[in-house]
Amino acid sequence: MTLSLILACFWVVVANVIAMLPAHKSHWPAAYVLTAIGVPLLGYITYENGPWIGLIAFAAGASILRWPLLYLGRWAKNKLYKS
């Protein structure tokens, strides 16, 4: 197993531990931090293991961070239709 996949597994464990915390106020800042760490990690996974593994890692990350992605999609749709 490559270093990038080990880091991705650690990222998934940290994301699930954060999701189990009872304080809902900390979920959005944690999502921002997870996204800021996950995007370069996704590039590293793709670089080291190829595009198919990168797509699988992207799908795994998107399933964990689905609400920020939904809000980003809504924001982009509103920006597209307002201009």
N, C-alpha and C. Protein backbone atom coordinates (compact mmCIF):
# COMPACT_ATOMS: atom_id res chain seq x y z
N MET A 1 0.85 -1.17 0.00
CA MET A 1 0.00 0.00 0.00
C MET A 1 0.90 1.24 0.00
N THR A 2 0.57 2.18 -0.83
CA THR A 2 1.40 3.37 -0.98
C THR A 2 1.12 4.36 0.16
N LEU A 3 2.03 5.32 0.29
CA LEU A 3 1.89 6.32 1.34
C LEU A 3 0.63 7.14 1.16
N SER A 4 0.28 7.46 -0.08
CA SER A 4 -0.90 8.28 -0.31
C SER A 4 -2.17 7.55 0.12
N LEU A 5 -2.24 6.26 -0.10
CA LEU A 5 -3.43 5.50 0.34
C LEU A 5 -3.48 5.36 1.85
N ILE A 6 -2.33 5.25 2.49
CA ILE A 6 -2.31 5.22 3.96
C ILE A 6 -2.80 6.56 4.51
N LEU A 7 -2.35 7.66 3.92
CA LEU A 7 -2.81 8.98 4.35
C LEU A 7 -4.31 9.15 4.10
N ALA A 8 -4.80 8.60 2.99
CA ALA A 8 -6.23 8.68 2.70
C ALA A 8 -7.04 7.88 3.72
N CYS A 9 -6.56 6.73 4.11
CA CYS A 9 -7.25 5.95 5.15
C CYS A 9 -7.26 6.70 6.47
N PHE A 10 -6.16 7.35 6.80
CA PHE A 10 -6.12 8.15 8.01
C PHE A 10 -7.10 9.32 7.92
N TRP A 11 -7.20 9.95 6.75
CA TRP A 11 -8.14 11.05 6.52
C TRP A 11 -9.57 10.58 6.73
N VAL A 12 -9.90 9.39 6.23
CA VAL A 12 -11.25 8.84 6.40
C VAL A 12 -11.55 8.57 7.87
N VAL A 13 -10.59 8.03 8.60
CA VAL A 13 -10.79 7.77 10.03
C VAL A 13 -11.00 9.08 10.78
N VAL A 14 -10.19 10.09 10.51
CA VAL A 14 -10.34 11.39 11.17
C VAL A 14 -11.70 12.00 10.83
N ALA A 15 -12.12 11.92 9.57
CA ALA A 15 -13.41 12.47 9.18
C ALA A 15 -14.56 11.77 9.90
N ASN A 16 -14.48 10.48 10.07
CA ASN A 16 -15.54 9.76 10.78
C ASN A 16 -15.54 10.05 12.27
N VAL A 17 -14.38 10.24 12.86
CA VAL A 17 -14.32 10.61 14.28
C VAL A 17 -14.92 12.00 14.47
N ILE A 18 -14.60 12.93 13.57
CA ILE A 18 -15.17 14.28 13.66
C ILE A 18 -16.69 14.23 13.50
N ALA A 19 -17.17 13.38 12.62
CA ALA A 19 -18.62 13.27 12.41
C ALA A 19 -19.33 12.71 13.64
N MET A 20 -18.63 11.94 14.45
CA MET A 20 -19.25 11.37 15.65
C MET A 20 -19.25 12.33 16.83
N LEU A 21 -18.54 13.44 16.74
CA LEU A 21 -18.52 14.40 17.84
C LEU A 21 -19.90 15.03 18.01
N PRO A 22 -20.31 15.28 19.25
CA PRO A 22 -21.65 15.78 19.48
C PRO A 22 -21.85 17.26 19.15
N ALA A 23 -20.80 18.06 19.10
CA ALA A 23 -20.94 19.50 18.87
C ALA A 23 -21.15 19.77 17.37
N HIS A 24 -22.34 20.22 17.02
CA HIS A 24 -22.64 20.47 15.61
C HIS A 24 -22.02 21.77 15.12
N LYS A 25 -21.63 22.66 16.04
CA LYS A 25 -20.99 23.90 15.62
C LYS A 25 -19.62 23.66 15.00
N SER A 26 -19.00 22.56 15.35
CA SER A 26 -17.66 22.30 14.84
C SER A 26 -17.66 21.52 13.53
N HIS A 27 -18.82 21.14 13.02
CA HIS A 27 -18.84 20.33 11.80
C HIS A 27 -18.44 21.11 10.56
N TRP A 28 -18.94 22.34 10.39
CA TRP A 28 -18.59 23.10 9.20
C TRP A 28 -17.13 23.51 9.18
N PRO A 29 -16.56 24.04 10.28
CA PRO A 29 -15.12 24.32 10.23
C PRO A 29 -14.29 23.06 9.99
N ALA A 30 -14.72 21.95 10.53
CA ALA A 30 -14.01 20.69 10.29
C ALA A 30 -14.12 20.28 8.83
N ALA A 31 -15.28 20.54 8.22
CA ALA A 31 -15.44 20.22 6.80
C ALA A 31 -14.51 21.07 5.94
N TYR A 32 -14.33 22.34 6.32
CA TYR A 32 -13.39 23.19 5.58
C TYR A 32 -11.96 22.67 5.70
N VAL A 33 -11.58 22.25 6.90
CA VAL A 33 -10.23 21.73 7.10
C VAL A 33 -10.05 20.41 6.36
N LEU A 34 -11.05 19.55 6.43
CA LEU A 34 -10.95 18.27 5.71
C LEU A 34 -10.86 18.48 4.21
N THR A 35 -11.58 19.47 3.70
CA THR A 35 -11.51 19.78 2.27
C THR A 35 -10.12 20.33 1.91
N ALA A 36 -9.61 21.21 2.75
CA ALA A 36 -8.29 21.81 2.48
C ALA A 36 -7.19 20.75 2.52
N ILE A 37 -7.35 19.75 3.33
CA ILE A 37 -6.36 18.66 3.37
C ILE A 37 -6.64 17.63 2.28
N GLY A 38 -7.92 17.40 1.99
CA GLY A 38 -8.30 16.35 1.05
C GLY A 38 -7.99 16.64 -0.40
N VAL A 39 -8.07 17.89 -0.81
CA VAL A 39 -7.83 18.22 -2.22
C VAL A 39 -6.38 17.93 -2.63
N PRO A 40 -5.38 18.41 -1.88
CA PRO A 40 -4.01 18.03 -2.25
C PRO A 40 -3.75 16.53 -2.10
N LEU A 41 -4.38 15.93 -1.09
CA LEU A 41 -4.23 14.50 -0.91
C LEU A 41 -4.80 13.74 -2.10
N LEU A 42 -5.90 14.21 -2.62
CA LEU A 42 -6.50 13.58 -3.81
C LEU A 42 -5.56 13.70 -5.01
N GLY A 43 -4.92 14.84 -5.16
CA GLY A 43 -3.93 14.99 -6.23
C GLY A 43 -2.75 14.06 -6.05
N TYR A 44 -2.32 13.89 -4.82
CA TYR A 44 -1.20 12.99 -4.52
C TYR A 44 -1.60 11.54 -4.79
N ILE A 45 -2.82 11.17 -4.42
CA ILE A 45 -3.30 9.81 -4.69
C ILE A 45 -3.34 9.56 -6.20
N THR A 46 -3.86 10.52 -6.94
CA THR A 46 -3.95 10.37 -8.39
C THR A 46 -2.56 10.30 -9.03
N TYR A 47 -1.65 11.12 -8.54
CA TYR A 47 -0.29 11.11 -9.07
C TYR A 47 0.40 9.78 -8.81
N GLU A 48 0.22 9.25 -7.60
CA GLU A 48 0.96 8.06 -7.20
C GLU A 48 0.31 6.76 -7.68
N ASN A 49 -1.02 6.73 -7.80
CA ASN A 49 -1.72 5.47 -8.09
C ASN A 49 -2.49 5.45 -9.40
N GLY A 50 -2.61 6.59 -10.05
CA GLY A 50 -3.32 6.62 -11.32
C GLY A 50 -4.70 7.22 -11.20
N PRO A 51 -5.30 7.53 -12.36
CA PRO A 51 -6.58 8.24 -12.35
C PRO A 51 -7.76 7.41 -11.84
N TRP A 52 -7.75 6.11 -12.05
CA TRP A 52 -8.89 5.30 -11.59
C TRP A 52 -8.95 5.24 -10.08
N ILE A 53 -7.81 5.07 -9.45
CA ILE A 53 -7.78 5.07 -7.99
C ILE A 53 -8.10 6.47 -7.47
N GLY A 54 -7.67 7.49 -8.20
CA GLY A 54 -8.01 8.87 -7.84
C GLY A 54 -9.51 9.11 -7.90
N LEU A 55 -10.18 8.55 -8.90
CA LEU A 55 -11.63 8.69 -8.99
C LEU A 55 -12.34 7.95 -7.85
N ILE A 56 -11.82 6.80 -7.48
CA ILE A 56 -12.40 6.06 -6.36
C ILE A 56 -12.22 6.85 -5.07
N ALA A 57 -11.04 7.44 -4.89
CA ALA A 57 -10.80 8.25 -3.70
C ALA A 57 -11.68 9.49 -3.70
N PHE A 58 -11.89 10.10 -4.87
CA PHE A 58 -12.79 11.25 -4.97
C PHE A 58 -14.21 10.87 -4.58
N ALA A 59 -14.68 9.72 -5.05
CA ALA A 59 -16.03 9.27 -4.69
C ALA A 59 -16.14 9.00 -3.20
N ALA A 60 -15.10 8.44 -2.60
CA ALA A 60 -15.12 8.19 -1.15
C ALA A 60 -15.16 9.51 -0.39
N GLY A 61 -14.35 10.46 -0.80
CA GLY A 61 -14.35 11.76 -0.14
C GLY A 61 -15.66 12.51 -0.34
N ALA A 62 -16.24 12.39 -1.53
CA ALA A 62 -17.52 13.05 -1.80
C ALA A 62 -18.65 12.43 -0.99
N SER A 63 -18.57 11.15 -0.72
CA SER A 63 -19.61 10.54 0.10
C SER A 63 -19.50 10.97 1.55
N ILE A 64 -18.30 11.27 2.00
CA ILE A 64 -18.12 11.74 3.37
C ILE A 64 -18.49 13.22 3.49
N LEU A 65 -18.08 14.02 2.54
CA LEU A 65 -18.35 15.47 2.56
C LEU A 65 -19.49 15.83 1.61
N ARG A 66 -20.60 15.10 1.68
CA ARG A 66 -21.67 15.32 0.71
C ARG A 66 -22.40 16.64 0.91
N TRP A 67 -22.58 17.12 2.14
CA TRP A 67 -23.30 18.37 2.34
C TRP A 67 -22.55 19.58 1.82
N PRO A 68 -21.26 19.71 2.07
CA PRO A 68 -20.56 20.83 1.44
C PRO A 68 -20.61 20.79 -0.09
N LEU A 69 -20.59 19.59 -0.67
CA LEU A 69 -20.70 19.49 -2.12
C LEU A 69 -22.09 19.88 -2.61
N LEU A 70 -23.12 19.50 -1.87
CA LEU A 70 -24.47 19.89 -2.26
C LEU A 70 -24.65 21.40 -2.19
N TYR A 71 -24.14 22.03 -1.12
CA TYR A 71 -24.24 23.48 -1.01
C TYR A 71 -23.41 24.18 -2.08
N LEU A 72 -22.26 23.63 -2.43
CA LEU A 72 -21.45 24.20 -3.50
C LEU A 72 -22.20 24.10 -4.84
N GLY A 73 -22.85 22.98 -5.08
CA GLY A 73 -23.63 22.83 -6.31
C GLY A 73 -24.79 23.79 -6.38
N ARG A 74 -25.48 23.98 -5.26
CA ARG A 74 -26.59 24.95 -5.23
C ARG A 74 -26.08 26.37 -5.46
N TRP A 75 -24.96 26.71 -4.83
CA TRP A 75 -24.39 28.04 -4.99
C TRP A 75 -23.98 28.28 -6.45
N ALA A 76 -23.35 27.28 -7.06
CA ALA A 76 -22.92 27.41 -8.46
C ALA A 76 -24.12 27.52 -9.39
N LYS A 77 -25.17 26.76 -9.10
CA LYS A 77 -26.37 26.83 -9.94
C LYS A 77 -27.03 28.20 -9.84
N ASN A 78 -27.08 28.76 -8.64
CA ASN A 78 -27.65 30.10 -8.48
C ASN A 78 -26.80 31.15 -9.18
N LYS A 79 -25.49 31.03 -9.10
CA LYS A 79 -24.60 31.98 -9.78
C LYS A 79 -24.76 31.88 -11.29
N LEU A 80 -24.95 30.67 -11.79
CA LEU A 80 -25.07 30.46 -13.23
C LEU A 80 -26.37 31.06 -13.76
N TYR A 81 -27.46 30.88 -13.04
CA TYR A 81 -28.76 31.34 -13.52
C TYR A 81 -28.99 32.82 -13.26
N LYS A 82 -28.26 33.44 -12.31
CA LYS A 82 -28.44 34.86 -12.03
C LYS A 82 -27.66 35.73 -12.99
N SER A 83 -26.64 35.18 -13.65
CA SER A 83 -25.86 36.02 -14.56
C SER A 83 -26.23 35.80 -16.00
